[in-house]
Amino acid sequence: MSCSVEYGGSGGHSFSLLSKDQVQPVQKIDVWIADHDGALIVSKIELFWRDGSRGSTGEDTAGNLYTHKFEDDEIITEFTIHAGSFVDGISFKTNKLASEFAARGPGGSAHQIDVGNGKLLGFTGRSGYDVDAISACFN
């Protein structure tokens, strides 16, 4: 497992959003984007792994929900974290999607992440009510 540099702010508390054995790939991702003082940011992420487990970070589900369920043979080919003082969003392309999955507001700088073999394992970072900082972990 390899995790990217952490992007975003310094608020919140540390979290690790990985399967119990830290090797299960993500089967489904839910990302909520909500308004925070006039900025659209990631307010919650919930992951579902292939072993049936699930986990989440952040608390605010008042915004828009973006969902992607990965096919068994689907891999991520590009992954971007958009962040400033919060996590403004994530976006990715896969070998199966016709267009990019984008759960994000308009702000934040784009940071391309090394996707390894293309299997997303989860995230680490900092969160409270919203997701303050994030690192993406791939196999």
N, C-alpha and C. Protein backbone atom coordinates (compact mmCIF):
# COMPACT_ATOMS: atom_id res chain seq x y z
N MET A 1 0.84 -1.18 0.00
CA MET A 1 0.00 0.00 0.00
C MET A 1 0.89 1.24 0.00
N SER A 2 0.48 2.22 -0.78
CA SER A 2 1.19 3.48 -0.85
C SER A 2 0.18 4.62 -0.77
N CYS A 3 0.41 5.54 0.15
CA CYS A 3 -0.49 6.69 0.32
C CYS A 3 0.20 7.95 -0.17
N SER A 4 -0.59 8.83 -0.76
CA SER A 4 -0.06 10.09 -1.29
C SER A 4 0.27 11.06 -0.18
N VAL A 5 0.84 12.18 -0.56
CA VAL A 5 1.00 13.32 0.34
C VAL A 5 -0.40 13.75 0.77
N GLU A 6 -0.52 14.29 1.97
CA GLU A 6 -1.81 14.78 2.47
C GLU A 6 -2.02 16.21 1.97
N TYR A 7 -3.19 16.46 1.39
CA TYR A 7 -3.53 17.79 0.87
C TYR A 7 -4.74 18.33 1.61
N GLY A 8 -4.72 19.65 1.90
CA GLY A 8 -5.82 20.31 2.57
C GLY A 8 -5.33 21.12 3.75
N GLY A 9 -6.21 21.33 4.72
CA GLY A 9 -5.91 22.16 5.88
C GLY A 9 -5.45 21.37 7.08
N SER A 10 -5.34 22.07 8.22
CA SER A 10 -4.80 21.45 9.43
C SER A 10 -5.86 21.23 10.51
N GLY A 11 -7.13 21.51 10.21
CA GLY A 11 -8.18 21.34 11.21
C GLY A 11 -8.59 19.89 11.37
N GLY A 12 -9.53 19.66 12.27
CA GLY A 12 -10.08 18.33 12.48
C GLY A 12 -9.15 17.40 13.23
N HIS A 13 -9.47 16.12 13.18
CA HIS A 13 -8.68 15.08 13.86
C HIS A 13 -8.25 14.04 12.84
N SER A 14 -7.23 13.29 13.15
CA SER A 14 -6.71 12.28 12.22
C SER A 14 -7.71 11.16 12.01
N PHE A 15 -7.77 10.66 10.78
CA PHE A 15 -8.60 9.49 10.49
C PHE A 15 -7.84 8.56 9.55
N SER A 16 -8.24 7.30 9.58
CA SER A 16 -7.76 6.28 8.64
C SER A 16 -8.99 5.56 8.12
N LEU A 17 -9.25 5.72 6.85
CA LEU A 17 -10.43 5.14 6.21
C LEU A 17 -9.96 4.03 5.27
N LEU A 18 -9.62 2.89 5.88
CA LEU A 18 -9.11 1.72 5.17
C LEU A 18 -9.84 0.49 5.69
N SER A 19 -9.86 -0.59 4.91
CA SER A 19 -10.48 -1.83 5.39
C SER A 19 -9.68 -2.35 6.59
N LYS A 20 -10.28 -3.26 7.34
CA LYS A 20 -9.62 -3.78 8.54
C LYS A 20 -8.25 -4.37 8.24
N ASP A 21 -8.13 -5.10 7.14
CA ASP A 21 -6.84 -5.70 6.80
C ASP A 21 -5.98 -4.79 5.92
N GLN A 22 -6.51 -3.63 5.57
CA GLN A 22 -5.83 -2.60 4.78
C GLN A 22 -5.41 -3.06 3.38
N VAL A 23 -6.03 -4.12 2.86
CA VAL A 23 -5.70 -4.59 1.51
C VAL A 23 -6.93 -4.72 0.61
N GLN A 24 -8.12 -4.55 1.17
CA GLN A 24 -9.34 -4.67 0.37
C GLN A 24 -9.53 -3.44 -0.50
N PRO A 25 -9.77 -3.61 -1.80
CA PRO A 25 -10.05 -2.45 -2.64
C PRO A 25 -11.46 -1.91 -2.39
N VAL A 26 -11.62 -0.63 -2.64
CA VAL A 26 -12.92 0.02 -2.48
C VAL A 26 -13.85 -0.49 -3.57
N GLN A 27 -15.08 -0.86 -3.17
CA GLN A 27 -16.09 -1.33 -4.11
C GLN A 27 -17.05 -0.19 -4.49
N LYS A 28 -17.30 0.71 -3.52
CA LYS A 28 -18.21 1.83 -3.76
C LYS A 28 -17.72 3.03 -2.96
N ILE A 29 -17.84 4.22 -3.56
CA ILE A 29 -17.47 5.46 -2.89
C ILE A 29 -18.64 6.43 -2.96
N ASP A 30 -18.97 7.03 -1.81
CA ASP A 30 -19.97 8.09 -1.71
C ASP A 30 -19.25 9.34 -1.22
N VAL A 31 -19.44 10.45 -1.92
CA VAL A 31 -18.81 11.73 -1.55
C VAL A 31 -19.89 12.79 -1.50
N TRP A 32 -19.99 13.49 -0.37
CA TRP A 32 -20.91 14.61 -0.23
C TRP A 32 -20.16 15.92 -0.39
N ILE A 33 -20.71 16.83 -1.17
CA ILE A 33 -20.16 18.17 -1.35
C ILE A 33 -21.17 19.15 -0.77
N ALA A 34 -20.74 19.97 0.18
CA ALA A 34 -21.65 20.90 0.85
C ALA A 34 -21.01 22.29 0.96
N ASP A 35 -21.85 23.27 1.19
CA ASP A 35 -21.40 24.65 1.36
C ASP A 35 -20.82 24.84 2.76
N HIS A 36 -19.65 25.42 2.82
CA HIS A 36 -19.00 25.77 4.09
C HIS A 36 -18.54 27.21 3.97
N ASP A 37 -19.29 28.12 4.58
CA ASP A 37 -18.96 29.56 4.53
C ASP A 37 -18.75 30.04 3.09
N GLY A 38 -19.63 29.61 2.19
CA GLY A 38 -19.58 30.07 0.80
C GLY A 38 -18.70 29.26 -0.13
N ALA A 39 -18.01 28.26 0.40
CA ALA A 39 -17.16 27.40 -0.43
C ALA A 39 -17.76 26.00 -0.49
N LEU A 40 -17.76 25.40 -1.66
CA LEU A 40 -18.22 24.02 -1.81
C LEU A 40 -17.05 23.08 -1.57
N ILE A 41 -17.17 22.25 -0.53
CA ILE A 41 -16.07 21.36 -0.13
C ILE A 41 -16.59 19.96 0.15
N VAL A 42 -15.67 19.01 0.31
CA VAL A 42 -16.05 17.65 0.70
C VAL A 42 -16.46 17.66 2.16
N SER A 43 -17.71 17.27 2.41
CA SER A 43 -18.21 17.28 3.78
C SER A 43 -18.24 15.89 4.41
N LYS A 44 -18.29 14.86 3.57
CA LYS A 44 -18.28 13.49 4.09
C LYS A 44 -17.87 12.54 2.97
N ILE A 45 -17.15 11.48 3.35
CA ILE A 45 -16.82 10.38 2.44
C ILE A 45 -17.20 9.08 3.13
N GLU A 46 -17.90 8.22 2.40
CA GLU A 46 -18.20 6.88 2.91
C GLU A 46 -17.70 5.87 1.88
N LEU A 47 -16.97 4.87 2.37
CA LEU A 47 -16.41 3.83 1.50
C LEU A 47 -16.99 2.47 1.87
N PHE A 48 -17.16 1.63 0.85
CA PHE A 48 -17.61 0.26 1.01
C PHE A 48 -16.56 -0.62 0.34
N TRP A 49 -16.05 -1.62 1.09
CA TRP A 49 -14.99 -2.48 0.57
C TRP A 49 -15.55 -3.81 0.10
N ARG A 50 -14.75 -4.53 -0.67
CA ARG A 50 -15.18 -5.81 -1.26
C ARG A 50 -15.45 -6.89 -0.21
N ASP A 51 -14.90 -6.75 1.00
CA ASP A 51 -15.15 -7.74 2.05
C ASP A 51 -16.46 -7.48 2.80
N GLY A 52 -17.23 -6.45 2.38
CA GLY A 52 -18.51 -6.14 3.02
C GLY A 52 -18.42 -5.08 4.11
N SER A 53 -17.23 -4.67 4.48
CA SER A 53 -17.10 -3.64 5.52
C SER A 53 -17.29 -2.25 4.91
N ARG A 54 -17.50 -1.28 5.78
CA ARG A 54 -17.68 0.11 5.35
C ARG A 54 -17.17 1.04 6.43
N GLY A 55 -16.88 2.28 6.04
CA GLY A 55 -16.42 3.29 6.98
C GLY A 55 -16.63 4.66 6.39
N SER A 56 -16.60 5.67 7.26
CA SER A 56 -16.82 7.04 6.78
C SER A 56 -16.03 8.03 7.61
N THR A 57 -15.88 9.22 7.04
CA THR A 57 -15.26 10.34 7.74
C THR A 57 -15.96 11.61 7.32
N GLY A 58 -16.00 12.61 8.22
CA GLY A 58 -16.81 13.79 8.00
C GLY A 58 -18.23 13.48 8.44
N GLU A 59 -19.04 14.54 8.64
CA GLU A 59 -20.37 14.32 9.20
C GLU A 59 -21.50 14.94 8.39
N ASP A 60 -21.22 16.00 7.63
CA ASP A 60 -22.27 16.78 6.98
C ASP A 60 -22.78 16.09 5.72
N THR A 61 -24.06 15.69 5.72
CA THR A 61 -24.67 15.06 4.54
C THR A 61 -25.75 15.96 3.93
N ALA A 62 -25.69 17.26 4.21
CA ALA A 62 -26.71 18.19 3.73
C ALA A 62 -26.52 18.57 2.26
N GLY A 63 -25.37 18.32 1.70
CA GLY A 63 -25.08 18.75 0.33
C GLY A 63 -25.45 17.72 -0.72
N ASN A 64 -24.77 17.79 -1.85
CA ASN A 64 -25.00 16.87 -2.97
C ASN A 64 -24.17 15.61 -2.81
N LEU A 65 -24.79 14.47 -3.11
CA LEU A 65 -24.13 13.17 -3.01
C LEU A 65 -23.68 12.71 -4.39
N TYR A 66 -22.41 12.28 -4.48
CA TYR A 66 -21.84 11.71 -5.70
C TYR A 66 -21.41 10.28 -5.37
N THR A 67 -21.81 9.33 -6.20
CA THR A 67 -21.57 7.91 -5.93
C THR A 67 -20.94 7.23 -7.14
N HIS A 68 -20.01 6.33 -6.87
CA HIS A 68 -19.49 5.46 -7.93
C HIS A 68 -19.29 4.06 -7.36
N LYS A 69 -19.82 3.07 -8.07
CA LYS A 69 -19.59 1.66 -7.71
C LYS A 69 -18.64 1.07 -8.74
N PHE A 70 -17.53 0.52 -8.25
CA PHE A 70 -16.50 -0.04 -9.12
C PHE A 70 -16.87 -1.46 -9.56
N GLU A 71 -16.70 -1.75 -10.84
CA GLU A 71 -16.83 -3.11 -11.34
C GLU A 71 -15.60 -3.89 -10.88
N ASP A 72 -15.71 -5.22 -10.84
CA ASP A 72 -14.60 -6.05 -10.34
C ASP A 72 -13.30 -5.82 -11.10
N ASP A 73 -13.38 -5.62 -12.41
CA ASP A 73 -12.16 -5.45 -13.21
C ASP A 73 -11.88 -3.98 -13.55
N GLU A 74 -12.53 -3.07 -12.83
CA GLU A 74 -12.34 -1.63 -13.07
C GLU A 74 -11.14 -1.11 -12.28
N ILE A 75 -10.30 -0.32 -12.94
CA ILE A 75 -9.15 0.29 -12.26
C ILE A 75 -9.14 1.79 -12.52
N ILE A 76 -8.60 2.52 -11.56
CA ILE A 76 -8.46 3.97 -11.69
C ILE A 76 -7.20 4.24 -12.51
N THR A 77 -7.35 5.09 -13.52
CA THR A 77 -6.21 5.43 -14.38
C THR A 77 -5.64 6.81 -14.06
N GLU A 78 -6.46 7.69 -13.50
CA GLU A 78 -6.03 9.02 -13.05
C GLU A 78 -6.82 9.39 -11.81
N PHE A 79 -6.15 10.00 -10.83
CA PHE A 79 -6.82 10.42 -9.59
C PHE A 79 -6.29 11.79 -9.19
N THR A 80 -7.21 12.71 -8.87
CA THR A 80 -6.83 14.07 -8.50
C THR A 80 -7.52 14.47 -7.21
N ILE A 81 -6.74 15.04 -6.29
CA ILE A 81 -7.28 15.68 -5.09
C ILE A 81 -7.26 17.18 -5.33
N HIS A 82 -8.40 17.83 -5.13
CA HIS A 82 -8.51 19.28 -5.26
C HIS A 82 -8.60 19.84 -3.84
N ALA A 83 -7.63 20.67 -3.45
CA ALA A 83 -7.59 21.12 -2.06
C ALA A 83 -6.96 22.50 -1.93
N GLY A 84 -7.42 23.20 -0.91
CA GLY A 84 -6.85 24.46 -0.46
C GLY A 84 -6.75 24.34 1.05
N SER A 85 -7.53 25.17 1.80
CA SER A 85 -7.54 25.03 3.25
C SER A 85 -8.51 23.96 3.72
N PHE A 86 -9.28 23.40 2.80
CA PHE A 86 -10.11 22.21 3.01
C PHE A 86 -9.91 21.32 1.79
N VAL A 87 -10.56 20.16 1.79
CA VAL A 87 -10.59 19.33 0.59
C VAL A 87 -11.78 19.79 -0.24
N ASP A 88 -11.49 20.37 -1.39
CA ASP A 88 -12.53 20.90 -2.27
C ASP A 88 -13.16 19.80 -3.11
N GLY A 89 -12.47 18.69 -3.30
CA GLY A 89 -13.06 17.60 -4.06
C GLY A 89 -12.06 16.56 -4.49
N ILE A 90 -12.60 15.50 -5.08
CA ILE A 90 -11.78 14.47 -5.71
C ILE A 90 -12.36 14.20 -7.10
N SER A 91 -11.50 13.77 -7.99
CA SER A 91 -11.96 13.37 -9.32
C SER A 91 -11.08 12.22 -9.79
N PHE A 92 -11.66 11.37 -10.63
CA PHE A 92 -10.86 10.27 -11.17
C PHE A 92 -11.44 9.78 -12.49
N LYS A 93 -10.58 9.10 -13.23
CA LYS A 93 -10.95 8.41 -14.46
C LYS A 93 -10.63 6.94 -14.26
N THR A 94 -11.40 6.08 -14.93
CA THR A 94 -11.15 4.64 -14.86
C THR A 94 -11.12 4.05 -16.27
N ASN A 95 -10.75 2.80 -16.33
CA ASN A 95 -10.75 2.10 -17.61
C ASN A 95 -12.17 1.76 -18.09
N LYS A 96 -13.20 2.06 -17.28
CA LYS A 96 -14.58 1.74 -17.64
C LYS A 96 -15.46 2.97 -17.82
N LEU A 97 -15.12 4.08 -17.18
CA LEU A 97 -15.96 5.29 -17.25
C LEU A 97 -15.78 6.00 -18.59
N ALA A 98 -16.90 6.43 -19.16
CA ALA A 98 -16.85 7.21 -20.41
C ALA A 98 -16.39 8.63 -20.14
N SER A 99 -16.69 9.14 -18.93
CA SER A 99 -16.24 10.49 -18.55
C SER A 99 -15.75 10.45 -17.11
N GLU A 100 -15.12 11.53 -16.69
CA GLU A 100 -14.52 11.63 -15.37
C GLU A 100 -15.58 11.64 -14.27
N PHE A 101 -15.30 10.93 -13.15
CA PHE A 101 -16.09 11.07 -11.93
C PHE A 101 -15.54 12.29 -11.22
N ALA A 102 -16.40 13.27 -10.95
CA ALA A 102 -15.95 14.50 -10.30
C ALA A 102 -16.92 14.87 -9.18
N ALA A 103 -16.44 14.79 -7.95
CA ALA A 103 -17.19 15.22 -6.78
C ALA A 103 -16.40 16.38 -6.19
N ARG A 104 -16.77 17.60 -6.59
CA ARG A 104 -15.96 18.74 -6.16
C ARG A 104 -16.68 20.05 -6.38
N GLY A 105 -16.21 21.04 -5.63
CA GLY A 105 -16.60 22.42 -5.87
C GLY A 105 -15.59 23.04 -6.83
N PRO A 106 -15.72 24.34 -7.10
CA PRO A 106 -14.84 24.98 -8.07
C PRO A 106 -13.46 25.36 -7.54
N GLY A 107 -13.24 25.29 -6.23
CA GLY A 107 -11.99 25.78 -5.65
C GLY A 107 -10.93 24.72 -5.50
N GLY A 108 -9.81 25.15 -4.93
CA GLY A 108 -8.71 24.24 -4.62
C GLY A 108 -7.76 24.01 -5.78
N SER A 109 -6.52 23.76 -5.43
CA SER A 109 -5.50 23.41 -6.42
C SER A 109 -5.59 21.92 -6.73
N ALA A 110 -5.31 21.54 -7.98
CA ALA A 110 -5.36 20.14 -8.40
C ALA A 110 -4.04 19.45 -8.12
N HIS A 111 -4.10 18.28 -7.49
CA HIS A 111 -2.91 17.49 -7.17
C HIS A 111 -3.10 16.08 -7.75
N GLN A 112 -2.32 15.75 -8.78
CA GLN A 112 -2.37 14.42 -9.39
C GLN A 112 -1.72 13.40 -8.45
N ILE A 113 -2.37 12.25 -8.29
CA ILE A 113 -1.90 11.22 -7.37
C ILE A 113 -1.44 9.99 -8.16
N ASP A 114 -0.33 9.38 -7.71
CA ASP A 114 0.14 8.12 -8.30
C ASP A 114 -0.86 7.03 -7.93
N VAL A 115 -1.44 6.36 -8.92
CA VAL A 115 -2.50 5.38 -8.66
C VAL A 115 -1.99 3.94 -8.53
N GLY A 116 -0.69 3.72 -8.56
CA GLY A 116 -0.17 2.36 -8.41
C GLY A 116 -0.80 1.42 -9.42
N ASN A 117 -1.40 0.32 -8.93
CA ASN A 117 -2.04 -0.64 -9.84
C ASN A 117 -3.48 -0.26 -10.17
N GLY A 118 -3.93 0.90 -9.68
CA GLY A 118 -5.27 1.39 -10.00
C GLY A 118 -6.36 0.99 -9.03
N LYS A 119 -6.03 0.23 -7.99
CA LYS A 119 -7.02 -0.19 -7.00
C LYS A 119 -6.95 0.74 -5.79
N LEU A 120 -8.01 1.53 -5.58
CA LEU A 120 -8.10 2.43 -4.44
C LEU A 120 -8.37 1.61 -3.18
N LEU A 121 -7.53 1.81 -2.16
CA LEU A 121 -7.70 1.10 -0.89
C LEU A 121 -8.41 1.96 0.14
N GLY A 122 -8.32 3.29 0.02
CA GLY A 122 -8.98 4.18 0.97
C GLY A 122 -8.25 5.49 1.12
N PHE A 123 -8.49 6.14 2.27
CA PHE A 123 -7.93 7.45 2.53
C PHE A 123 -7.45 7.56 3.97
N THR A 124 -6.51 8.45 4.20
CA THR A 124 -6.14 8.91 5.53
C THR A 124 -6.21 10.43 5.48
N GLY A 125 -6.19 11.07 6.65
CA GLY A 125 -6.22 12.53 6.65
C GLY A 125 -6.72 13.11 7.95
N ARG A 126 -7.44 14.25 7.82
CA ARG A 126 -7.96 14.97 8.98
C ARG A 126 -9.39 15.38 8.67
N SER A 127 -10.27 15.23 9.66
CA SER A 127 -11.66 15.63 9.47
C SER A 127 -12.31 15.96 10.80
N GLY A 128 -13.42 16.66 10.70
CA GLY A 128 -14.31 16.96 11.81
C GLY A 128 -15.70 16.91 11.22
N TYR A 129 -16.38 18.06 11.22
CA TYR A 129 -17.69 18.13 10.57
C TYR A 129 -17.54 17.99 9.06
N ASP A 130 -16.45 18.53 8.52
CA ASP A 130 -16.11 18.41 7.10
C ASP A 130 -14.77 17.68 6.98
N VAL A 131 -14.36 17.37 5.75
CA VAL A 131 -13.07 16.73 5.51
C VAL A 131 -12.03 17.83 5.29
N ASP A 132 -11.09 17.94 6.23
CA ASP A 132 -10.10 19.03 6.21
C ASP A 132 -8.90 18.73 5.33
N ALA A 133 -8.40 17.49 5.37
CA ALA A 133 -7.21 17.11 4.60
C ALA A 133 -7.32 15.64 4.24
N ILE A 134 -6.70 15.27 3.11
CA ILE A 134 -6.85 13.89 2.65
C ILE A 134 -5.60 13.41 1.91
N SER A 135 -5.35 12.12 2.07
CA SER A 135 -4.31 11.39 1.35
C SER A 135 -4.98 10.16 0.75
N ALA A 136 -4.73 9.87 -0.51
CA ALA A 136 -5.32 8.70 -1.17
C ALA A 136 -4.34 7.53 -1.13
N CYS A 137 -4.85 6.35 -0.80
CA CYS A 137 -4.02 5.15 -0.69
C CYS A 137 -4.39 4.14 -1.77
N PHE A 138 -3.37 3.70 -2.50
CA PHE A 138 -3.55 2.74 -3.58
C PHE A 138 -2.67 1.52 -3.36
N ASN A 139 -3.03 0.42 -3.99
CA ASN A 139 -2.26 -0.80 -3.92
C ASN A 139 -1.08 -0.71 -4.88
